[in-house]
PDB file of all heavy atoms in Angstrom:
ATOM      1  N   LEU A   1     113.047  93.256  89.437  1.00  0.00           N
ATOM      2  CA  LEU A   1     113.073  94.052  90.626  1.00  0.00           C
ATOM      3  C   LEU A   1     111.935  93.651  91.594  1.00  0.00           C
ATOM      4  O   LEU A   1     112.120  93.842  92.843  1.00  0.00           O
ATOM      5  CB  LEU A   1     112.712  95.516  90.216  1.00  0.00           C
ATOM      6  CG  LEU A   1     113.831  96.240  89.396  1.00  0.00           C
ATOM      7  CD1 LEU A   1     113.294  97.657  88.936  1.00  0.00           C
ATOM      8  CD2 LEU A   1     115.059  96.371  90.223  1.00  0.00           C
ATOM      9  N   SER A   2     110.969  92.866  91.139  1.00  0.00           N
ATOM     10  CA  SER A   2     109.915  92.368  92.024  1.00  0.00           C
ATOM     11  C   SER A   2     110.241  90.952  92.537  1.00  0.00           C
ATOM     12  O   SER A   2     109.481  90.298  93.223  1.00  0.00           O
ATOM     13  CB  SER A   2     108.566  92.390  91.373  1.00  0.00           C
ATOM     14  OG  SER A   2     108.210  93.678  90.852  1.00  0.00           O
ATOM     15  N   ASP A   3     111.463  90.455  92.076  1.00  0.00           N
ATOM     16  CA  ASP A   3     111.875  89.072  92.527  1.00  0.00           C
ATOM     17  C   ASP A   3     110.791  87.967  92.124  1.00  0.00           C
ATOM     18  O   ASP A   3     110.395  87.201  92.866  1.00  0.00           O
ATOM     19  CB  ASP A   3     112.136  88.993  93.937  1.00  0.00           C
ATOM     20  CG  ASP A   3     112.844  87.734  94.362  1.00  0.00           C
ATOM     21  OD1 ASP A   3     113.537  87.174  93.463  1.00  0.00           O
ATOM     22  OD2 ASP A   3     112.815  87.288  95.542  1.00  0.00           O
ATOM     23  N   LEU A   4     110.343  88.059  90.884  1.00  0.00           N
ATOM     24  CA  LEU A   4     109.392  87.173  90.286  1.00  0.00           C
ATOM     25  C   LEU A   4     109.987  86.028  89.518  1.00  0.00           C
ATOM     26  O   LEU A   4     111.052  86.340  88.795  1.00  0.00           O
ATOM     27  CB  LEU A   4     108.266  87.900  89.542  1.00  0.00           C
ATOM     28  CG  LEU A   4     107.548  88.959  90.262  1.00  0.00           C
ATOM     29  CD1 LEU A   4     106.506  89.631  89.317  1.00  0.00           C
ATOM     30  CD2 LEU A   4     106.865  88.585  91.531  1.00  0.00           C
ATOM     31  N   HIS A   5     109.253  84.972  89.407  1.00  0.00           N
ATOM     32  CA  HIS A   5     109.802  83.752  88.624  1.00  0.00           C
ATOM     33  C   HIS A   5     108.555  83.128  87.990  1.00  0.00           C
ATOM     34  O   HIS A   5     107.496  82.981  88.611  1.00  0.00           O
ATOM     35  CB  HIS A   5     110.543  82.694  89.462  1.00  0.00           C
ATOM     36  CG  HIS A   5     111.697  83.396  90.182  1.00  0.00           C
ATOM     37  ND1 HIS A   5     112.966  83.456  89.744  1.00  0.00           N
ATOM     38  CD2 HIS A   5     111.728  83.992  91.422  1.00  0.00           C
ATOM     39  CE1 HIS A   5     113.798  83.997  90.544  1.00  0.00           C
ATOM     40  NE2 HIS A   5     113.104  84.344  91.607  1.00  0.00           N
ATOM     41  N   PHE A   6     108.754  82.850  86.718  1.00  0.00           N
ATOM     42  CA  PHE A   6     107.496  82.240  86.032  1.00  0.00           C
ATOM     43  C   PHE A   6     107.429  80.681  86.413  1.00  0.00           C
ATOM     44  O   PHE A   6     108.451  79.975  86.332  1.00  0.00           O
ATOM     45  CB  PHE A   6     107.720  82.362  84.529  1.00  0.00           C
ATOM     46  CG  PHE A   6     106.529  81.780  83.685  1.00  0.00           C
ATOM     47  CD1 PHE A   6     105.315  82.530  83.779  1.00  0.00           C
ATOM     48  CD2 PHE A   6     106.577  80.539  82.993  1.00  0.00           C
ATOM     49  CE1 PHE A   6     104.209  82.105  83.105  1.00  0.00           C
ATOM     50  CE2 PHE A   6     105.408  80.112  82.382  1.00  0.00           C
ATOM     51  CZ  PHE A   6     104.164  80.837  82.426  1.00  0.00           C
ATOM     52  N   VAL A   7     106.300  80.346  86.874  1.00  0.00           N
ATOM     53  CA  VAL A   7     105.936  79.015  87.284  1.00  0.00           C
ATOM     54  C   VAL A   7     105.028  78.396  86.270  1.00  0.00           C
ATOM     55  O   VAL A   7     103.838  78.738  86.248  1.00  0.00           O
ATOM     56  CB  VAL A   7     105.391  78.950  88.683  1.00  0.00           C
ATOM     57  CG1 VAL A   7     105.124  77.521  89.100  1.00  0.00           C
ATOM     58  CG2 VAL A   7     106.309  79.653  89.740  1.00  0.00           C
ATOM     59  N   PRO A   8     105.432  77.576  85.345  1.00  0.00           N
ATOM     60  CA  PRO A   8     104.514  76.998  84.265  1.00  0.00           C
ATOM     61  C   PRO A   8     103.252  76.408  84.772  1.00  0.00           C
ATOM     62  O   PRO A   8     102.215  76.620  84.182  1.00  0.00           O
ATOM     63  CB  PRO A   8     105.473  76.060  83.495  1.00  0.00           C
ATOM     64  CG  PRO A   8     106.872  76.469  83.879  1.00  0.00           C
ATOM     65  CD  PRO A   8     106.775  76.982  85.345  1.00  0.00           C
ATOM     66  N   GLU A   9     103.349  75.540  85.842  1.00  0.00           N
ATOM     67  CA  GLU A   9     102.122  74.906  86.255  1.00  0.00           C
ATOM     68  C   GLU A   9     101.003  75.809  86.844  1.00  0.00           C
ATOM     69  O   GLU A   9      99.943  75.439  86.920  1.00  0.00           O
ATOM     70  CB  GLU A   9     102.476  73.732  87.403  1.00  0.00           C
ATOM     71  CG  GLU A   9     103.059  74.293  88.559  1.00  0.00           C
ATOM     72  CD  GLU A   9     104.664  74.347  88.505  1.00  0.00           C
ATOM     73  OE1 GLU A   9     105.201  74.385  87.334  1.00  0.00           O
ATOM     74  OE2 GLU A   9     105.317  74.269  89.500  1.00  0.00           O
ATOM     75  N   ARG A  10     101.531  77.023  87.193  1.00  0.00           N
ATOM     76  CA  ARG A  10     100.418  78.099  87.710  1.00  0.00           C
ATOM     77  C   ARG A  10     100.211  79.154  86.664  1.00  0.00           C
ATOM     78  O   ARG A  10      99.356  79.924  86.860  1.00  0.00           O
ATOM     79  CB  ARG A  10     101.017  78.692  88.989  1.00  0.00           C
ATOM     80  CG  ARG A  10     101.088  77.605  90.112  1.00  0.00           C
ATOM     81  CD  ARG A  10     101.697  78.290  91.407  1.00  0.00           C
ATOM     82  NE  ARG A  10     101.961  77.326  92.376  1.00  0.00           N
ATOM     83  CZ  ARG A  10     101.103  77.084  93.414  1.00  0.00           C
ATOM     84  NH1 ARG A  10     100.014  77.762  93.562  1.00  0.00           N
ATOM     85  NH2 ARG A  10     101.483  76.197  94.344  1.00  0.00           N
ATOM     86  N   ASN A  11     100.903  79.126  85.560  1.00  0.00           N
ATOM     87  CA  ASN A  11     100.834  79.998  84.502  1.00  0.00           C
ATOM     88  C   ASN A  11     100.848  81.447  85.067  1.00  0.00           C
ATOM     89  O   ASN A  11     100.022  82.340  84.737  1.00  0.00           O
ATOM     90  CB  ASN A  11      99.531  79.850  83.647  1.00  0.00           C
ATOM     91  CG  ASN A  11      99.716  80.326  82.201  1.00  0.00           C
ATOM     92  OD1 ASN A  11     100.883  80.468  81.788  1.00  0.00           O
ATOM     93  ND2 ASN A  11      98.590  80.802  81.590  1.00  0.00           N
ATOM     94  N   ALA A  12     101.920  81.712  85.903  1.00  0.00           N
ATOM     95  CA  ALA A  12     101.946  83.015  86.554  1.00  0.00           C
ATOM     96  C   ALA A  12     103.334  83.301  87.002  1.00  0.00           C
ATOM     97  O   ALA A  12     104.215  82.402  87.077  1.00  0.00           O
ATOM     98  CB  ALA A  12     101.085  82.901  87.867  1.00  0.00           C
ATOM     99  N   TYR A  13     103.628  84.639  87.230  1.00  0.00           N
ATOM    100  CA  TYR A  13     104.905  85.015  87.710  1.00  0.00           C
ATOM    101  C   TYR A  13     104.780  85.060  89.182  1.00  0.00           C
ATOM    102  O   TYR A  13     103.856  85.793  89.766  1.00  0.00           O
ATOM    103  CB  TYR A  13     105.313  86.371  87.189  1.00  0.00           C
ATOM    104  CG  TYR A  13     105.748  86.219  85.660  1.00  0.00           C
ATOM    105  CD1 TYR A  13     104.809  86.313  84.704  1.00  0.00           C
ATOM    106  CD2 TYR A  13     107.074  86.139  85.351  1.00  0.00           C
ATOM    107  CE1 TYR A  13     105.286  86.242  83.351  1.00  0.00           C
ATOM    108  CE2 TYR A  13     107.494  86.107  84.020  1.00  0.00           C
ATOM    109  CZ  TYR A  13     106.584  86.148  83.047  1.00  0.00           C
ATOM    110  OH  TYR A  13     106.971  86.027  81.727  1.00  0.00           O
ATOM    111  N   CYS A  14     105.599  84.382  89.980  1.00  0.00           N
ATOM    112  CA  CYS A  14     105.375  84.196  91.435  1.00  0.00           C
ATOM    113  C   CYS A  14     106.566  84.466  92.254  1.00  0.00           C
ATOM    114  O   CYS A  14     107.710  84.623  91.758  1.00  0.00           O
ATOM    115  CB  CYS A  14     104.981  82.723  91.600  1.00  0.00           C
ATOM    116  SG  CYS A  14     103.661  82.047  90.652  1.00  0.00           S
ATOM    117  N   ARG A  15     106.327  84.630  93.592  1.00  0.00           N
ATOM    118  CA  ARG A  15     107.371  84.752  94.581  1.00  0.00           C
ATOM    119  C   ARG A  15     106.880  84.178  95.808  1.00  0.00           C
ATOM    120  O   ARG A  15     105.642  83.896  95.895  1.00  0.00           O
ATOM    121  CB  ARG A  15     107.811  86.185  94.793  1.00  0.00           C
ATOM    122  CG  ARG A  15     106.691  87.117  95.255  1.00  0.00           C
ATOM    123  CD  ARG A  15     107.230  88.590  95.199  1.00  0.00           C
ATOM    124  NE  ARG A  15     106.211  89.542  95.682  1.00  0.00           N
ATOM    125  CZ  ARG A  15     106.330  90.826  95.581  1.00  0.00           C
ATOM    126  NH1 ARG A  15     107.409  91.353  94.999  1.00  0.00           N
ATOM    127  NH2 ARG A  15     105.328  91.602  96.026  1.00  0.00           N
ATOM    128  N   LEU A  16     107.696  83.962  96.762  1.00  0.00           N
ATOM    129  CA  LEU A  16     107.142  83.462  98.036  1.00  0.00           C
ATOM    130  C   LEU A  16     106.774  84.585  98.941  1.00  0.00           C
ATOM    131  O   LEU A  16     107.317  85.677  98.991  1.00  0.00           O
ATOM    132  CB  LEU A  16     108.379  82.690  98.813  1.00  0.00           C
ATOM    133  CG  LEU A  16     108.923  81.423  98.087  1.00  0.00           C
ATOM    134  CD1 LEU A  16     110.021  80.857  98.907  1.00  0.00           C
ATOM    135  CD2 LEU A  16     107.812  80.459  97.825  1.00  0.00           C
ATOM    136  N   ASP A  17     105.576  84.376  99.644  1.00  0.00           N
ATOM    137  CA  ASP A  17     105.127  85.428 100.523  1.00  0.00           C
ATOM    138  C   ASP A  17     105.750  85.237 101.901  1.00  0.00           C
ATOM    139  O   ASP A  17     106.716  84.434 102.204  1.00  0.00           O
ATOM    140  CB  ASP A  17     103.588  85.318 100.743  1.00  0.00           C
ATOM    141  CG  ASP A  17     103.073  84.031 101.248  1.00  0.00           C
ATOM    142  OD1 ASP A  17     103.889  83.225 101.811  1.00  0.00           O
ATOM    143  OD2 ASP A  17     101.858  83.717 101.101  1.00  0.00           O
ATOM    144  N   ASP A  18     105.278  86.047 102.887  1.00  0.00           N
ATOM    145  CA  ASP A  18     105.931  86.042 104.235  1.00  0.00           C
ATOM    146  C   ASP A  18     105.830  84.683 104.933  1.00  0.00           C
ATOM    147  O   ASP A  18     106.555  84.394 105.927  1.00  0.00           O
ATOM    148  CB  ASP A  18     105.303  87.145 105.126  1.00  0.00           C
ATOM    149  CG  ASP A  18     105.489  88.467 104.533  1.00  0.00           C
ATOM    150  OD1 ASP A  18     106.574  88.616 103.834  1.00  0.00           O
ATOM    151  OD2 ASP A  18     104.817  89.465 104.887  1.00  0.00           O
ATOM    152  N   HIS A  19     104.836  83.795 104.464  1.00  0.00           N
ATOM    153  CA  HIS A  19     104.698  82.490 105.084  1.00  0.00           C
ATOM    154  C   HIS A  19     105.354  81.429 104.341  1.00  0.00           C
ATOM    155  O   HIS A  19     105.176  80.204 104.660  1.00  0.00           O
ATOM    156  CB  HIS A  19     103.188  82.241 105.257  1.00  0.00           C
ATOM    157  CG  HIS A  19     102.401  83.275 106.040  1.00  0.00           C
ATOM    158  ND1 HIS A  19     102.501  83.440 107.459  1.00  0.00           N
ATOM    159  CD2 HIS A  19     101.616  84.228 105.565  1.00  0.00           C
ATOM    160  CE1 HIS A  19     101.740  84.448 107.749  1.00  0.00           C
ATOM    161  NE2 HIS A  19     101.161  84.966 106.663  1.00  0.00           N
ATOM    162  N   GLY A  20     106.107  81.774 103.259  1.00  0.00           N
ATOM    163  CA  GLY A  20     106.734  80.710 102.484  1.00  0.00           C
ATOM    164  C   GLY A  20     105.840  80.074 101.459  1.00  0.00           C
ATOM    165  O   GLY A  20     106.264  79.105 100.845  1.00  0.00           O
ATOM    166  N   ASP A  21     104.618  80.632 101.215  1.00  0.00           N
ATOM    167  CA  ASP A  21     103.742  80.038 100.220  1.00  0.00           C
ATOM    168  C   ASP A  21     103.928  80.821  98.885  1.00  0.00           C
ATOM    169  O   ASP A  21     104.437  81.896  98.800  1.00  0.00           O
ATOM    170  CB  ASP A  21     102.277  80.293 100.717  1.00  0.00           C
ATOM    171  CG  ASP A  21     101.944  79.481 102.012  1.00  0.00           C
ATOM    172  OD1 ASP A  21     102.624  78.336 102.041  1.00  0.00           O
ATOM    173  OD2 ASP A  21     101.202  80.000 102.793  1.00  0.00           O
ATOM    174  N   ILE A  22     103.561  80.084  97.822  1.00  0.00           N
ATOM    175  CA  ILE A  22     103.648  80.648  96.527  1.00  0.00           C
ATOM    176  C   ILE A  22     102.617  81.832  96.395  1.00  0.00           C
ATOM    177  O   ILE A  22     101.411  81.595  96.657  1.00  0.00           O
ATOM    178  CB  ILE A  22     103.410  79.627  95.373  1.00  0.00           C
ATOM    179  CG1 ILE A  22     104.465  78.494  95.441  1.00  0.00           C
ATOM    180  CG2 ILE A  22     103.299  80.258  94.018  1.00  0.00           C
ATOM    181  CD1 ILE A  22     105.818  79.058  94.919  1.00  0.00           C
ATOM    182  N   ASP A  23     103.069  82.945  95.883  1.00  0.00           N
ATOM    183  CA  ASP A  23     102.232  84.107  95.701  1.00  0.00           C
ATOM    184  C   ASP A  23     102.272  84.507  94.236  1.00  0.00           C
ATOM    185  O   ASP A  23     103.237  84.863  93.697  1.00  0.00           O
ATOM    186  CB  ASP A  23     102.796  85.260  96.556  1.00  0.00           C
ATOM    187  CG  ASP A  23     101.839  86.546  96.525  1.00  0.00           C
ATOM    188  OD1 ASP A  23     100.682  86.294  96.152  1.00  0.00           O
ATOM    189  OD2 ASP A  23     102.339  87.634  96.882  1.00  0.00           O
ATOM    190  N   LYS A  24     101.015  84.290  93.554  1.00  0.00           N
ATOM    191  CA  LYS A  24     100.901  84.585  92.152  1.00  0.00           C
ATOM    192  C   LYS A  24     100.683  86.093  91.991  1.00  0.00           C
ATOM    193  O   LYS A  24      99.575  86.589  92.053  1.00  0.00           O
ATOM    194  CB  LYS A  24      99.770  83.760  91.596  1.00  0.00           C
ATOM    195  CG  LYS A  24      99.885  82.255  91.648  1.00  0.00           C
ATOM    196  CD  LYS A  24      98.799  81.499  90.959  1.00  0.00           C
ATOM    197  CE  LYS A  24      97.570  81.562  91.744  1.00  0.00           C
ATOM    198  NZ  LYS A  24      96.532  80.664  91.166  1.00  0.00           N
ATOM    199  N   VAL A  25     101.828  86.775  91.636  1.00  0.00           N
ATOM    200  CA  VAL A  25     101.756  88.238  91.580  1.00  0.00           C
ATOM    201  C   VAL A  25     101.203  88.644  90.173  1.00  0.00           C
ATOM    202  O   VAL A  25     100.383  89.623  90.086  1.00  0.00           O
ATOM    203  CB  VAL A  25     103.197  88.842  91.765  1.00  0.00           C
ATOM    204  CG1 VAL A  25     103.174  90.353  91.489  1.00  0.00           C
ATOM    205  CG2 VAL A  25     103.691  88.479  93.135  1.00  0.00           C
ATOM    206  N   VAL A  26     101.627  87.990  89.117  1.00  0.00           N
ATOM    207  CA  VAL A  26     101.095  88.271  87.750  1.00  0.00           C
ATOM    208  C   VAL A  26     100.441  86.942  87.286  1.00  0.00           C
ATOM    209  O   VAL A  26     101.094  85.959  87.103  1.00  0.00           O
ATOM    210  CB  VAL A  26     102.233  88.632  86.802  1.00  0.00           C
ATOM    211  CG1 VAL A  26     101.628  88.932  85.418  1.00  0.00           C
ATOM    212  CG2 VAL A  26     103.010  89.928  87.287  1.00  0.00           C
ATOM    213  N   ARG A  27      99.127  87.033  87.060  1.00  0.00           N
ATOM    214  CA  ARG A  27      98.365  85.844  86.613  1.00  0.00           C
ATOM    215  C   ARG A  27      98.151  86.028  85.149  1.00  0.00           C
ATOM    216  O   ARG A  27      97.705  87.066  84.709  1.00  0.00           O
ATOM    217  CB  ARG A  27      97.097  85.783  87.343  1.00  0.00           C
ATOM    218  CG  ARG A  27      97.302  85.382  88.812  1.00  0.00           C
ATOM    219  CD  ARG A  27      95.931  84.893  89.408  1.00  0.00           C
ATOM    220  NE  ARG A  27      94.882  85.819  89.378  1.00  0.00           N
ATOM    221  CZ  ARG A  27      93.632  85.492  89.461  1.00  0.00           C
ATOM    222  NH1 ARG A  27      93.229  84.196  89.367  1.00  0.00           N
ATOM    223  NH2 ARG A  27      92.691  86.440  89.426  1.00  0.00           N
ATOM    224  N   ILE A  28      98.279  84.943  84.376  1.00  0.00           N
ATOM    225  CA  ILE A  28      97.907  84.895  82.991  1.00  0.00           C
ATOM    226  C   ILE A  28      96.830  83.848  82.838  1.00  0.00           C
ATOM    227  O   ILE A  28      97.040  82.659  82.963  1.00  0.00           O
ATOM    228  CB  ILE A  28      99.136  84.460  82.111  1.00  0.00           C
ATOM    229  CG1 ILE A  28     100.280  85.462  82.321  1.00  0.00           C
ATOM    230  CG2 ILE A  28      98.792  84.465  80.640  1.00  0.00           C
ATOM    231  CD1 ILE A  28     101.576  85.050  81.666  1.00  0.00           C
ATOM    232  N   VAL A  29      95.638  84.344  82.662  1.00  0.00           N
ATOM    233  CA  VAL A  29      94.480  83.535  82.665  1.00  0.00           C
ATOM    234  C   VAL A  29      93.874  83.384  81.227  1.00  0.00           C
ATOM    235  O   VAL A  29      93.511  84.369  80.657  1.00  0.00           O
ATOM    236  CB  VAL A  29      93.409  84.023  83.664  1.00  0.00           C
ATOM    237  CG1 VAL A  29      92.150  83.118  83.618  1.00  0.00           C
ATOM    238  CG2 VAL A  29      93.966  84.212  85.083  1.00  0.00           C
ATOM    239  N   THR A  30      93.734  82.230  80.767  1.00  0.00           N
ATOM    240  CA  THR A  30      93.153  81.946  79.446  1.00  0.00           C
ATOM    241  C   THR A  30      91.787  81.309  79.539  1.00  0.00           C
ATOM    242  O   THR A  30      91.581  80.356  80.249  1.00  0.00           O
ATOM    243  CB  THR A  30      94.125  81.007  78.611  1.00  0.00           C
ATOM    244  OG1 THR A  30      95.380  81.642  78.486  1.00  0.00           O
ATOM    245  CG2 THR A  30      93.515  80.801  77.243  1.00  0.00           C
ATOM    246  N   PHE A  31      90.868  81.981  78.900  1.00  0.00           N
ATOM    247  CA  PHE A  31      89.441  81.467  78.891  1.00  0.00           C
ATOM    248  C   PHE A  31      89.222  80.798  77.519  1.00  0.00           C
ATOM    249  O   PHE A  31      89.339  81.454  76.391  1.00  0.00           O
ATOM    250  CB  PHE A  31      88.475  82.603  78.938  1.00  0.00           C
ATOM    251  CG  PHE A  31      88.630  83.285  80.390  1.00  0.00           C
ATOM    252  CD1 PHE A  31      89.241  84.435  80.465  1.00  0.00           C
ATOM    253  CD2 PHE A  31      88.021  82.661  81.518  1.00  0.00           C
ATOM    254  CE1 PHE A  31      89.346  85.091  81.639  1.00  0.00           C
ATOM    255  CE2 PHE A  31      88.066  83.391  82.710  1.00  0.00           C
ATOM    256  CZ  PHE A  31      88.785  84.589  82.813  1.00  0.00           C
ATOM    257  N   PRO A  32      88.878  79.491  77.418  1.00  0.00           N
ATOM    258  CA  PRO A  32      88.665  78.866  76.184  1.00  0.00           C
ATOM    259  C   PRO A  32      87.216  79.308  75.590  1.00  0.00           C
ATOM    260  O   PRO A  32      86.381  79.889  76.255  1.00  0.00           O
ATOM    261  CB  PRO A  32      88.560  77.303  76.555  1.00  0.00           C
ATOM    262  CG  PRO A  32      88.033  77.418  77.973  1.00  0.00           C
ATOM    263  CD  PRO A  32      88.655  78.626  78.635  1.00  0.00           C
ATOM    264  N   ASP A  33      87.158  79.073  74.310  1.00  0.00           N
ATOM    265  CA  ASP A  33      85.862  79.313  73.639  1.00  0.00           C
ATOM    266  C   ASP A  33      84.779  78.422  74.303  1.00  0.00           C
ATOM    267  O   ASP A  33      85.030  77.256  74.630  1.00  0.00           O
ATOM    268  CB  ASP A  33      85.928  79.017  72.171  1.00  0.00           C
ATOM    269  CG  ASP A  33      86.828  80.028  71.445  1.00  0.00           C
ATOM    270  OD1 ASP A  33      87.194  81.025  72.074  1.00  0.00           O
ATOM    271  OD2 ASP A  33      87.183  79.757  70.289  1.00  0.00           O
ATOM    272  N   LYS A  34      83.687  79.021  74.461  1.00  0.00           N
ATOM    273  CA  LYS A  34      82.536  78.162  75.037  1.00  0.00           C
ATOM    274  C   LYS A  34      81.220  78.516  74.354  1.00  0.00           C
ATOM    275  O   LYS A  34      80.648  79.585  74.694  1.00  0.00           O
ATOM    276  CB  LYS A  34      82.415  78.514  76.538  1.00  0.00           C
ATOM    277  CG  LYS A  34      81.428  77.647  77.298  1.00  0.00           C
ATOM    278  CD  LYS A  34      81.446  78.008  78.815  1.00  0.00           C
ATOM    279  CE  LYS A  34      80.443  77.167  79.523  1.00  0.00           C
ATOM    280  NZ  LYS A  34      80.410  77.556  81.017  1.00  0.00           N
ATOM    281  N   GLY A  35      80.801  77.646  73.500  1.00  0.00           N
ATOM    282  CA  GLY A  35      79.599  77.860  72.743  1.00  0.00           C
ATOM    283  C   GLY A  35      79.673  79.087  71.917  1.00  0.00           C
ATOM    284  O   GLY A  35      80.590  79.224  71.037  1.00  0.00           O
ATOM    285  N   ASP A  36      78.763  80.066  72.075  1.00  0.00           N
ATOM    286  CA  ASP A  36      78.743  81.354  71.376  1.00  0.00           C
ATOM    287  C   ASP A  36      79.691  82.361  71.989  1.00  0.00           C
ATOM    288  O   ASP A  36      79.830  83.441  71.452  1.00  0.00           O
ATOM    289  CB  ASP A  36      77.339  81.933  71.296  1.00  0.00           C
ATOM    290  CG  ASP A  36      76.396  81.030  70.440  1.00  0.00           C
ATOM    291  OD1 ASP A  36      76.928  80.297  69.552  1.00  0.00           O
ATOM    292  OD2 ASP A  36      75.210  81.097  70.717  1.00  0.00           O
ATOM    293  N   GLU A  37      80.256  81.997  73.107  1.00  0.00           N
ATOM    294  CA  GLU A  37      81.196  82.978  73.778  1.00  0.00           C
ATOM    295  C   GLU A  37      82.613  82.639  73.421  1.00  0.00           C
ATOM    296  O   GLU A  37      83.136  81.587  73.591  1.00  0.00           O
ATOM    297  CB  GLU A  37      81.021  82.705  75.384  1.00  0.00           C
ATOM    298  CG  GLU A  37      81.816  83.734  76.208  1.00  0.00           C
ATOM    299  CD  GLU A  37      81.605  83.421  77.661  1.00  0.00           C
ATOM    300  OE1 GLU A  37      80.571  82.768  78.015  1.00  0.00           O
ATOM    301  OE2 GLU A  37      82.394  83.937  78.414  1.00  0.00           O
TER     302      GLU A  37
END
């Protein structure tokens, strides 16, 4: 319904905005382990 498409290289569900640019509507962000974090 939101006209989204998964774009692997951006790890996001995207669509084109009014200027024809990629708009990352749903972002999937992975944080790697870092030291004690």
